[in-house]
């Protein structure tokens, strides 16, 4: 069961603006002088994103993702989510590092929204199969740099880096990640840079009345 999808997310402009306003020193250094400027900045970045996802459900499959095959799961969905390829050029055109840091903070909020959108799709899919989904397991997250990352990305469960580095080149072909123009660079980073790869484990739903 493979899905290849372009999808839309909401801008969450007010919520993200309030998040940025907690970083007033950063905003002042970046040159912002009013809340409307911050709102316009968020919406301008929103115009640059082109979210895409590929994901595949596996039941009783055993992807040989590392030497010890430690990533075997009875049921799971593997997912790659990207915000598209326009953001690098946008960030490079910003006038100073502080404004870039503010922009990456906004981008990471959009990335969180995209990941949650996909996780909800998979949860709905699992429920139709009388299953439930467990906590996401991140295989790849983009570097955060000086930007403030959402708690879900910052504190989410991550695979051991050594295992993840071995697994990533195997996962992307399984997903046909090139369908959303995602590829692995020689330095181990993903292109486009604001891309996330993660697992969503499934399990059979517990029957009501049973513990």
C-alpha atoms as a PDB file:
ATOM      1  CA  UNK A   1       0.000   0.000   0.000  1.00  0.00           C
ATOM      2  CA  UNK A   2       1.929   3.042  -1.245  1.00  0.00           C
ATOM      3  CA  UNK A   3       0.706   6.632  -1.207  1.00  0.00           C
ATOM      4  CA  UNK A   4       2.201   9.479  -3.226  1.00  0.00           C
ATOM      5  CA  UNK A   5       0.574  12.750  -2.363  1.00  0.00           C
ATOM      6  CA  UNK A   6       0.856  16.503  -2.652  1.00  0.00           C
ATOM      7  CA  UNK A   7      -1.175  18.071   0.098  1.00  0.00           C
ATOM      8  CA  UNK A   8      -2.057  21.393   1.650  1.00  0.00           C
ATOM      9  CA  UNK A   9      -1.555  22.505   5.235  1.00  0.00           C
ATOM     10  CA  UNK A  10      -2.875  25.557   7.041  1.00  0.00           C
ATOM     11  CA  UNK A  11      -0.584  28.507   7.737  1.00  0.00           C
ATOM     12  CA  UNK A  12      -1.349  28.684  11.495  1.00  0.00           C
ATOM     13  CA  UNK A  13      -0.299  32.315  11.098  1.00  0.00           C
ATOM     14  CA  UNK A  14      -1.613  33.583  14.433  1.00  0.00           C
ATOM     15  CA  UNK A  15      -0.201  30.656  16.413  1.00  0.00           C
ATOM     16  CA  UNK A  16       3.228  30.896  14.773  1.00  0.00           C
ATOM     17  CA  UNK A  17       3.284  34.677  15.128  1.00  0.00           C
ATOM     18  CA  UNK A  18       2.658  34.325  18.854  1.00  0.00           C
ATOM     19  CA  UNK A  19       5.450  31.753  18.983  1.00  0.00           C
ATOM     20  CA  UNK A  20       7.861  34.182  17.286  1.00  0.00           C
ATOM     21  CA  UNK A  21       6.835  37.065  19.532  1.00  0.00           C
ATOM     22  CA  UNK A  22       8.334  35.140  22.443  1.00  0.00           C
ATOM     23  CA  UNK A  23      11.690  35.751  20.719  1.00  0.00           C
ATOM     24  CA  UNK A  24      11.556  39.562  20.728  1.00  0.00           C
ATOM     25  CA  UNK A  25      15.351  40.125  20.861  1.00  0.00           C
ATOM     26  CA  UNK A  26      15.742  37.914  17.778  1.00  0.00           C
ATOM     27  CA  UNK A  27      12.940  39.718  15.939  1.00  0.00           C
ATOM     28  CA  UNK A  28      14.411  43.127  16.738  1.00  0.00           C
ATOM     29  CA  UNK A  29      17.864  42.072  15.562  1.00  0.00           C
ATOM     30  CA  UNK A  30      16.247  40.716  12.399  1.00  0.00           C
ATOM     31  CA  UNK A  31      14.711  44.122  11.717  1.00  0.00           C
ATOM     32  CA  UNK A  32      11.034  43.558  12.491  1.00  0.00           C
ATOM     33  CA  UNK A  33       9.228  46.605  13.857  1.00  0.00           C
ATOM     34  CA  UNK A  34       5.602  45.492  14.145  1.00  0.00           C
ATOM     35  CA  UNK A  35       3.349  42.468  14.486  1.00  0.00           C
ATOM     36  CA  UNK A  36       1.887  42.950  10.981  1.00  0.00           C
ATOM     37  CA  UNK A  37       5.434  42.658   9.600  1.00  0.00           C
ATOM     38  CA  UNK A  38       5.873  39.355  11.419  1.00  0.00           C
ATOM     39  CA  UNK A  39       2.538  38.085  10.079  1.00  0.00           C
ATOM     40  CA  UNK A  40       3.457  39.061   6.527  1.00  0.00           C
ATOM     41  CA  UNK A  41       6.812  37.292   6.949  1.00  0.00           C
ATOM     42  CA  UNK A  42       5.096  34.061   8.021  1.00  0.00           C
ATOM     43  CA  UNK A  43       2.665  34.176   5.109  1.00  0.00           C
ATOM     44  CA  UNK A  44       5.474  34.920   2.668  1.00  0.00           C
ATOM     45  CA  UNK A  45       7.308  31.777   3.803  1.00  0.00           C
ATOM     46  CA  UNK A  46       4.038  29.831   3.593  1.00  0.00           C
ATOM     47  CA  UNK A  47       3.853  30.699  -0.117  1.00  0.00           C
ATOM     48  CA  UNK A  48       7.239  29.014  -0.665  1.00  0.00           C
ATOM     49  CA  UNK A  49       6.305  25.569   0.627  1.00  0.00           C
ATOM     50  CA  UNK A  50       5.069  22.682  -1.502  1.00  0.00           C
ATOM     51  CA  UNK A  51       4.415  19.788   0.889  1.00  0.00           C
ATOM     52  CA  UNK A  52       4.708  16.252  -0.400  1.00  0.00           C
ATOM     53  CA  UNK A  53       4.684  12.784   1.151  1.00  0.00           C
ATOM     54  CA  UNK A  54       5.355   9.193   0.225  1.00  0.00           C
ATOM     55  CA  UNK A  55       4.475   6.452   2.685  1.00  0.00           C
ATOM     56  CA  UNK A  56       4.086   2.708   2.621  1.00  0.00           C
ATOM     57  CA  UNK A  57       2.484   0.265   5.018  1.00  0.00           C
ATOM     58  CA  UNK A  58       4.290  -2.970   5.818  1.00  0.00           C
ATOM     59  CA  UNK A  59       2.746  -6.009   7.492  1.00  0.00           C
ATOM     60  CA  UNK A  60       4.954  -8.971   8.307  1.00  0.00           C
ATOM     61  CA  UNK A  61       7.600  -7.462   6.046  1.00  0.00           C
ATOM     62  CA  UNK A  62      11.241  -7.421   6.991  1.00  0.00           C
ATOM     63  CA  UNK A  63      13.187  -4.637   5.367  1.00  0.00           C
ATOM     64  CA  UNK A  64      16.888  -5.344   5.600  1.00  0.00           C
ATOM     65  CA  UNK A  65      17.659  -1.861   6.839  1.00  0.00           C
ATOM     66  CA  UNK A  66      20.815  -2.563   8.815  1.00  0.00           C
ATOM     67  CA  UNK A  67      23.277  -5.375   9.470  1.00  0.00           C
ATOM     68  CA  UNK A  68      21.458  -6.628  12.553  1.00  0.00           C
ATOM     69  CA  UNK A  69      17.964  -6.149  11.071  1.00  0.00           C
ATOM     70  CA  UNK A  70      16.998  -4.396  14.290  1.00  0.00           C
ATOM     71  CA  UNK A  71      14.336  -2.356  12.541  1.00  0.00           C
ATOM     72  CA  UNK A  72      12.029  -5.284  11.958  1.00  0.00           C
ATOM     73  CA  UNK A  73       8.519  -4.403  13.072  1.00  0.00           C
ATOM     74  CA  UNK A  74       5.466  -6.545  12.604  1.00  0.00           C
ATOM     75  CA  UNK A  75       3.431  -3.617  11.262  1.00  0.00           C
ATOM     76  CA  UNK A  76       4.545  -0.097  10.478  1.00  0.00           C
ATOM     77  CA  UNK A  77       4.213   2.733   7.997  1.00  0.00           C
ATOM     78  CA  UNK A  78       7.419   4.337   6.747  1.00  0.00           C
ATOM     79  CA  UNK A  79       7.056   7.960   5.648  1.00  0.00           C
ATOM     80  CA  UNK A  80       9.042  10.738   3.994  1.00  0.00           C
ATOM     81  CA  UNK A  81       7.581  14.249   4.214  1.00  0.00           C
ATOM     82  CA  UNK A  82       9.067  17.318   2.552  1.00  0.00           C
ATOM     83  CA  UNK A  83       8.246  21.021   2.288  1.00  0.00           C
ATOM     84  CA  UNK A  84       9.633  21.200  -1.238  1.00  0.00           C
ATOM     85  CA  UNK A  85      12.634  22.745  -2.933  1.00  0.00           C
ATOM     86  CA  UNK A  86      11.977  26.510  -2.882  1.00  0.00           C
ATOM     87  CA  UNK A  87      13.056  27.285   0.671  1.00  0.00           C
ATOM     88  CA  UNK A  88      16.843  27.243   0.159  1.00  0.00           C
ATOM     89  CA  UNK A  89      16.750  30.102  -2.336  1.00  0.00           C
ATOM     90  CA  UNK A  90      14.330  32.036  -0.135  1.00  0.00           C
ATOM     91  CA  UNK A  91      16.581  31.696   2.919  1.00  0.00           C
ATOM     92  CA  UNK A  92      19.687  32.653   0.934  1.00  0.00           C
ATOM     93  CA  UNK A  93      18.023  35.891  -0.176  1.00  0.00           C
ATOM     94  CA  UNK A  94      17.275  37.078   3.376  1.00  0.00           C
ATOM     95  CA  UNK A  95      19.416  40.031   4.480  1.00  0.00           C
ATOM     96  CA  UNK A  96      20.884  38.741   7.756  1.00  0.00           C
ATOM     97  CA  UNK A  97      21.443  35.645   9.896  1.00  0.00           C
ATOM     98  CA  UNK A  98      18.844  36.642  12.490  1.00  0.00           C
ATOM     99  CA  UNK A  99      16.134  36.882   9.859  1.00  0.00           C
ATOM    100  CA  UNK A 100      17.202  33.471   8.544  1.00  0.00           C
ATOM    101  CA  UNK A 101      16.967  32.044  12.070  1.00  0.00           C
ATOM    102  CA  UNK A 102      13.451  33.470  12.409  1.00  0.00           C
ATOM    103  CA  UNK A 103      12.548  32.001   9.010  1.00  0.00           C
ATOM    104  CA  UNK A 104      13.828  28.535   9.926  1.00  0.00           C
ATOM    105  CA  UNK A 105      11.785  28.698  13.143  1.00  0.00           C
ATOM    106  CA  UNK A 106       8.700  29.298  10.984  1.00  0.00           C
ATOM    107  CA  UNK A 107       9.691  26.551   8.526  1.00  0.00           C
ATOM    108  CA  UNK A 108      10.080  24.021  11.341  1.00  0.00           C
ATOM    109  CA  UNK A 109       6.575  24.881  12.543  1.00  0.00           C
ATOM    110  CA  UNK A 110       5.257  24.166   9.043  1.00  0.00           C
ATOM    111  CA  UNK A 111       7.229  20.909   9.005  1.00  0.00           C
ATOM    112  CA  UNK A 112       5.628  19.887  12.292  1.00  0.00           C
ATOM    113  CA  UNK A 113       2.182  20.605  10.815  1.00  0.00           C
ATOM    114  CA  UNK A 114       2.982  18.490   7.758  1.00  0.00           C
ATOM    115  CA  UNK A 115       4.219  15.554   9.866  1.00  0.00           C
ATOM    116  CA  UNK A 116       1.110  15.657  12.058  1.00  0.00           C
ATOM    117  CA  UNK A 117      -1.109  15.801   8.959  1.00  0.00           C
ATOM    118  CA  UNK A 118       0.478  12.607   7.624  1.00  0.00           C
ATOM    119  CA  UNK A 119       0.441  10.912  11.037  1.00  0.00           C
ATOM    120  CA  UNK A 120      -3.297  11.591  11.251  1.00  0.00           C
ATOM    121  CA  UNK A 121      -3.843  10.072   7.792  1.00  0.00           C
ATOM    122  CA  UNK A 122      -2.034   6.933   8.887  1.00  0.00           C
ATOM    123  CA  UNK A 123      -3.943   6.816  12.175  1.00  0.00           C
ATOM    124  CA  UNK A 124      -7.225   6.904  10.247  1.00  0.00           C
ATOM    125  CA  UNK A 125      -5.948   4.155   7.970  1.00  0.00           C
ATOM    126  CA  UNK A 126      -4.987   2.029  10.975  1.00  0.00           C
ATOM    127  CA  UNK A 127      -8.378   2.480  12.606  1.00  0.00           C
ATOM    128  CA  UNK A 128     -10.085   1.156   9.469  1.00  0.00           C
ATOM    129  CA  UNK A 129      -7.975  -1.990   9.878  1.00  0.00           C
ATOM    130  CA  UNK A 130      -8.913  -2.279  13.573  1.00  0.00           C
ATOM    131  CA  UNK A 131      -5.440  -1.190  14.590  1.00  0.00           C
ATOM    132  CA  UNK A 132      -3.928   1.742  16.433  1.00  0.00           C
ATOM    133  CA  UNK A 133      -0.737   3.692  15.864  1.00  0.00           C
ATOM    134  CA  UNK A 134       2.083   4.204  18.351  1.00  0.00           C
ATOM    135  CA  UNK A 135       4.542   7.046  18.881  1.00  0.00           C
ATOM    136  CA  UNK A 136       6.417   8.279  15.814  1.00  0.00           C
ATOM    137  CA  UNK A 137      10.035   7.177  15.465  1.00  0.00           C
ATOM    138  CA  UNK A 138      12.173   9.676  13.569  1.00  0.00           C
ATOM    139  CA  UNK A 139      14.829   8.319  11.231  1.00  0.00           C
ATOM    140  CA  UNK A 140      15.898  11.706   9.812  1.00  0.00           C
ATOM    141  CA  UNK A 141      15.297  15.288  10.922  1.00  0.00           C
ATOM    142  CA  UNK A 142      16.885  18.357   9.333  1.00  0.00           C
ATOM    143  CA  UNK A 143      19.479  20.280  11.370  1.00  0.00           C
ATOM    144  CA  UNK A 144      17.799  22.927  13.525  1.00  0.00           C
ATOM    145  CA  UNK A 145      20.749  25.307  13.826  1.00  0.00           C
ATOM    146  CA  UNK A 146      19.970  28.303  16.031  1.00  0.00           C
ATOM    147  CA  UNK A 147      16.245  28.115  15.307  1.00  0.00           C
ATOM    148  CA  UNK A 148      13.722  27.094  17.932  1.00  0.00           C
ATOM    149  CA  UNK A 149      12.276  23.721  16.914  1.00  0.00           C
ATOM    150  CA  UNK A 150       8.784  22.597  17.998  1.00  0.00           C
ATOM    151  CA  UNK A 151       8.802  20.221  20.959  1.00  0.00           C
ATOM    152  CA  UNK A 152       7.502  17.344  18.817  1.00  0.00           C
ATOM    153  CA  UNK A 153      10.572  17.514  16.567  1.00  0.00           C
ATOM    154  CA  UNK A 154      13.033  18.482  19.296  1.00  0.00           C
ATOM    155  CA  UNK A 155      12.052  15.810  21.815  1.00  0.00           C
ATOM    156  CA  UNK A 156      10.484  13.121  19.609  1.00  0.00           C
ATOM    157  CA  UNK A 157      11.730   9.547  19.713  1.00  0.00           C
ATOM    158  CA  UNK A 158      14.696   9.102  17.354  1.00  0.00           C
ATOM    159  CA  UNK A 159      16.450   6.037  16.089  1.00  0.00           C
ATOM    160  CA  UNK A 160      20.045   5.613  17.166  1.00  0.00           C
ATOM    161  CA  UNK A 161      22.100   7.723  14.746  1.00  0.00           C
ATOM    162  CA  UNK A 162      24.334   4.846  13.658  1.00  0.00           C
ATOM    163  CA  UNK A 163      21.304   2.690  12.853  1.00  0.00           C
ATOM    164  CA  UNK A 164      19.485   5.596  11.172  1.00  0.00           C
ATOM    165  CA  UNK A 165      22.491   6.432   8.979  1.00  0.00           C
ATOM    166  CA  UNK A 166      22.596   2.828   7.751  1.00  0.00           C
ATOM    167  CA  UNK A 167      18.840   2.580   7.306  1.00  0.00           C
ATOM    168  CA  UNK A 168      18.147   5.828   5.465  1.00  0.00           C
ATOM    169  CA  UNK A 169      19.691   4.810   2.098  1.00  0.00           C
ATOM    170  CA  UNK A 170      17.543   1.661   2.208  1.00  0.00           C
ATOM    171  CA  UNK A 171      14.289   3.351   3.218  1.00  0.00           C
ATOM    172  CA  UNK A 172      14.195   5.974   0.463  1.00  0.00           C
ATOM    173  CA  UNK A 173      14.162   3.482  -2.455  1.00  0.00           C
ATOM    174  CA  UNK A 174      11.465   1.430  -0.709  1.00  0.00           C
ATOM    175  CA  UNK A 175       9.343   4.588  -0.590  1.00  0.00           C
ATOM    176  CA  UNK A 176      10.135   5.755  -4.141  1.00  0.00           C
ATOM    177  CA  UNK A 177      11.114   9.058  -2.539  1.00  0.00           C
ATOM    178  CA  UNK A 178      12.167  10.453  -5.910  1.00  0.00           C
ATOM    179  CA  UNK A 179       8.449  10.813  -6.646  1.00  0.00           C
ATOM    180  CA  UNK A 180       8.457  13.836  -4.339  1.00  0.00           C
ATOM    181  CA  UNK A 181      11.984  14.846  -5.442  1.00  0.00           C
ATOM    182  CA  UNK A 182      13.656  13.714  -2.207  1.00  0.00           C
ATOM    183  CA  UNK A 183      17.203  12.353  -2.450  1.00  0.00           C
ATOM    184  CA  UNK A 184      20.162  11.595  -0.187  1.00  0.00           C
ATOM    185  CA  UNK A 185      23.233  13.808  -0.627  1.00  0.00           C
ATOM    186  CA  UNK A 186      26.795  12.435  -0.253  1.00  0.00           C
ATOM    187  CA  UNK A 187      27.135  14.191   3.129  1.00  0.00           C
ATOM    188  CA  UNK A 188      24.174  12.238   4.528  1.00  0.00           C
ATOM    189  CA  UNK A 189      21.734  15.154   4.395  1.00  0.00           C
ATOM    190  CA  UNK A 190      18.446  14.978   2.535  1.00  0.00           C
ATOM    191  CA  UNK A 191      17.490  17.233  -0.352  1.00  0.00           C
ATOM    192  CA  UNK A 192      15.323  19.244  -0.144  1.00  0.00           C
ATOM    193  CA  UNK A 193      16.705  20.057   3.311  1.00  0.00           C
ATOM    194  CA  UNK A 194      13.373  20.484   5.119  1.00  0.00           C
ATOM    195  CA  UNK A 195      12.420  16.829   4.903  1.00  0.00           C
ATOM    196  CA  UNK A 196      11.598  14.294   7.631  1.00  0.00           C
ATOM    197  CA  UNK A 197      11.680  10.486   7.480  1.00  0.00           C
ATOM    198  CA  UNK A 198       9.889   8.532  10.194  1.00  0.00           C
ATOM    199  CA  UNK A 199       8.156   5.286  11.132  1.00  0.00           C
ATOM    200  CA  UNK A 200       4.634   4.969  12.507  1.00  0.00           C
ATOM    201  CA  UNK A 201       4.375   1.573  14.270  1.00  0.00           C
ATOM    202  CA  UNK A 202       0.965  -0.144  14.260  1.00  0.00           C
ATOM    203  CA  UNK A 203      -0.533  -2.653  16.652  1.00  0.00           C
ATOM    204  CA  UNK A 204      -3.839  -4.454  16.828  1.00  0.00           C
ATOM    205  CA  UNK A 205      -6.387  -2.368  18.698  1.00  0.00           C
ATOM    206  CA  UNK A 206      -7.273  -3.639  22.140  1.00  0.00           C
ATOM    207  CA  UNK A 207     -10.785  -4.983  22.430  1.00  0.00           C
ATOM    208  CA  UNK A 208     -13.094  -2.898  24.556  1.00  0.00           C
ATOM    209  CA  UNK A 209     -13.306  -4.158  28.074  1.00  0.00           C
ATOM    210  CA  UNK A 210      -9.892  -5.813  27.880  1.00  0.00           C
ATOM    211  CA  UNK A 211      -6.714  -4.464  29.376  1.00  0.00           C
END
